Amino acid sequence: MPVHYLYLALSVLSEAVATMSLQASAQFTRLVPSILVAAGFASSFYFLTLTLKYMPVGITYALASGLGIVAVALGGLLIFGQRLDWAALGGLTLIIAGVAVINLFSETALH
């Protein structure tokens, strides 16, 4: 796996942990989840900056956002039991398709 995809994956994972920790923090009234929010977003931005050495900002952000949305939706289902209806699943499928199109067919994915 090229290093920029590893950086992107770490950014997405960090963001997903931070976002799900927002739910667990109970509006920042619980210490450990609140710390995870700050650490997760900080590390997500750090890994995102490393990814930007290899990929243009628009493509990087599109991939990180799309993958982050899917990761948080799956985490919400698995950790918090938040179910998705057919419209939500359809939308997530379109996001995954968009990420696949960028990676498979776009020549701007690397600079």
Protein backbone atom coordinates (compact mmCIF):
# COMPACT_ATOMS: atom_id res chain seq x y z
CA MET A 1 0.00 0.00 0.00
CA PRO A 2 1.44 3.41 -0.91
CA VAL A 3 2.27 5.50 2.14
CA HIS A 4 -0.24 8.24 1.28
CA TYR A 5 -3.10 5.76 1.49
CA LEU A 6 -1.85 4.67 4.90
CA TYR A 7 -1.81 8.32 6.03
CA LEU A 8 -5.31 8.81 4.63
CA ALA A 9 -6.59 5.67 6.39
CA LEU A 10 -5.09 6.82 9.70
CA SER A 11 -6.68 10.24 9.23
CA VAL A 12 -10.10 8.71 8.55
CA LEU A 13 -9.79 6.30 11.48
CA SER A 14 -8.77 9.12 13.84
CA GLU A 15 -11.64 11.29 12.66
CA ALA A 16 -14.15 8.46 13.06
CA VAL A 17 -12.96 7.76 16.62
CA ALA A 18 -13.15 11.47 17.45
CA THR A 19 -16.63 11.87 15.97
CA MET A 20 -18.01 8.82 17.75
CA SER A 21 -16.38 10.04 20.96
CA LEU A 22 -18.48 13.20 20.64
CA GLN A 23 -21.55 11.02 21.20
CA ALA A 24 -19.91 9.22 24.11
CA SER A 25 -18.69 12.47 25.72
CA ALA A 26 -22.26 13.49 26.63
CA GLN A 27 -21.66 17.13 25.62
CA PHE A 28 -18.10 17.06 27.07
CA THR A 29 -19.26 16.03 30.54
CA ARG A 30 -17.26 12.75 30.47
CA LEU A 31 -13.48 13.14 30.61
CA VAL A 32 -12.09 10.17 28.65
CA PRO A 33 -14.35 10.52 25.60
CA SER A 34 -13.72 14.28 25.64
CA ILE A 35 -9.97 13.68 25.52
CA LEU A 36 -10.50 11.22 22.65
CA VAL A 37 -12.36 13.93 20.73
CA ALA A 38 -9.45 16.36 20.96
CA ALA A 39 -6.74 13.75 20.34
CA GLY A 40 -8.67 12.15 17.49
CA PHE A 41 -9.27 15.36 15.59
CA ALA A 42 -5.68 16.54 16.15
CA SER A 43 -4.22 13.28 14.85
CA SER A 44 -6.69 13.24 11.97
CA PHE A 45 -5.52 16.67 10.81
CA TYR A 46 -1.89 15.66 11.26
CA PHE A 47 -2.28 12.58 9.04
CA LEU A 48 -4.31 14.62 6.57
CA THR A 49 -1.40 17.06 6.19
CA LEU A 50 0.93 14.14 5.51
CA THR A 51 -1.45 12.89 2.82
CA LEU A 52 -1.38 16.34 1.18
CA LYS A 53 2.29 15.81 0.32
CA TYR A 54 1.13 13.26 -2.26
CA MET A 55 -2.43 14.15 -3.25
CA PRO A 56 -4.23 17.39 -4.16
CA VAL A 57 -6.33 18.93 -1.39
CA GLY A 58 -9.69 18.55 -3.20
CA ILE A 59 -9.23 14.84 -3.85
CA THR A 60 -7.79 14.23 -0.38
CA TYR A 61 -10.70 15.97 1.32
CA ALA A 62 -13.28 14.23 -0.86
CA LEU A 63 -11.82 10.83 -0.03
CA ALA A 64 -11.39 11.57 3.67
CA SER A 65 -14.91 13.00 3.98
CA GLY A 66 -16.56 10.15 2.10
CA LEU A 67 -14.71 7.42 3.91
CA GLY A 68 -15.22 9.20 7.24
CA ILE A 69 -18.98 9.39 6.71
CA VAL A 70 -19.14 5.67 5.98
CA ALA A 71 -16.86 4.80 8.93
CA VAL A 72 -18.93 6.87 11.38
CA ALA A 73 -22.19 5.41 10.07
CA LEU A 74 -20.83 1.88 10.56
CA GLY A 75 -19.43 2.78 13.98
CA GLY A 76 -22.76 4.29 14.98
CA LEU A 77 -24.47 1.06 14.02
CA LEU A 78 -21.97 -1.25 15.73
CA ILE A 79 -21.22 0.77 18.86
CA PHE A 80 -24.40 2.77 19.51
CA GLY A 81 -26.97 0.57 17.74
CA GLN A 82 -28.03 3.41 15.43
CA ARG A 83 -29.87 1.80 12.55
CA LEU A 84 -29.88 3.07 8.97
CA ASP A 85 -32.94 3.07 6.70
CA TRP A 86 -32.84 2.23 2.98
CA ALA A 87 -32.38 5.85 1.94
CA ALA A 88 -29.34 6.19 4.22
CA LEU A 89 -27.87 2.93 2.94
CA GLY A 90 -28.44 4.08 -0.65
CA GLY A 91 -26.70 7.38 0.04
CA LEU A 92 -23.75 5.62 1.67
CA THR A 93 -23.53 3.31 -1.34
CA LEU A 94 -23.30 6.35 -3.61
CA ILE A 95 -20.54 7.80 -1.44
CA ILE A 96 -18.58 4.54 -1.66
CA ALA A 97 -19.11 4.50 -5.43
CA GLY A 98 -17.79 8.07 -5.65
CA VAL A 99 -14.67 7.18 -3.69
CA ALA A 100 -14.13 4.16 -5.94
CA VAL A 101 -14.52 6.25 -9.11
CA ILE A 102 -11.96 8.78 -7.88
CA ASN A 103 -9.44 6.07 -7.02
CA LEU A 104 -9.96 3.94 -10.09
CA PHE A 105 -10.42 6.49 -12.85
CA SER A 106 -9.21 9.94 -11.82
CA GLU A 107 -5.78 11.02 -12.97
CA THR A 108 -5.80 13.85 -10.42
CA ALA A 109 -5.69 11.46 -7.45
CA LEU A 110 -1.89 11.85 -7.36
CA HIS A 111 0.33 14.77 -8.19
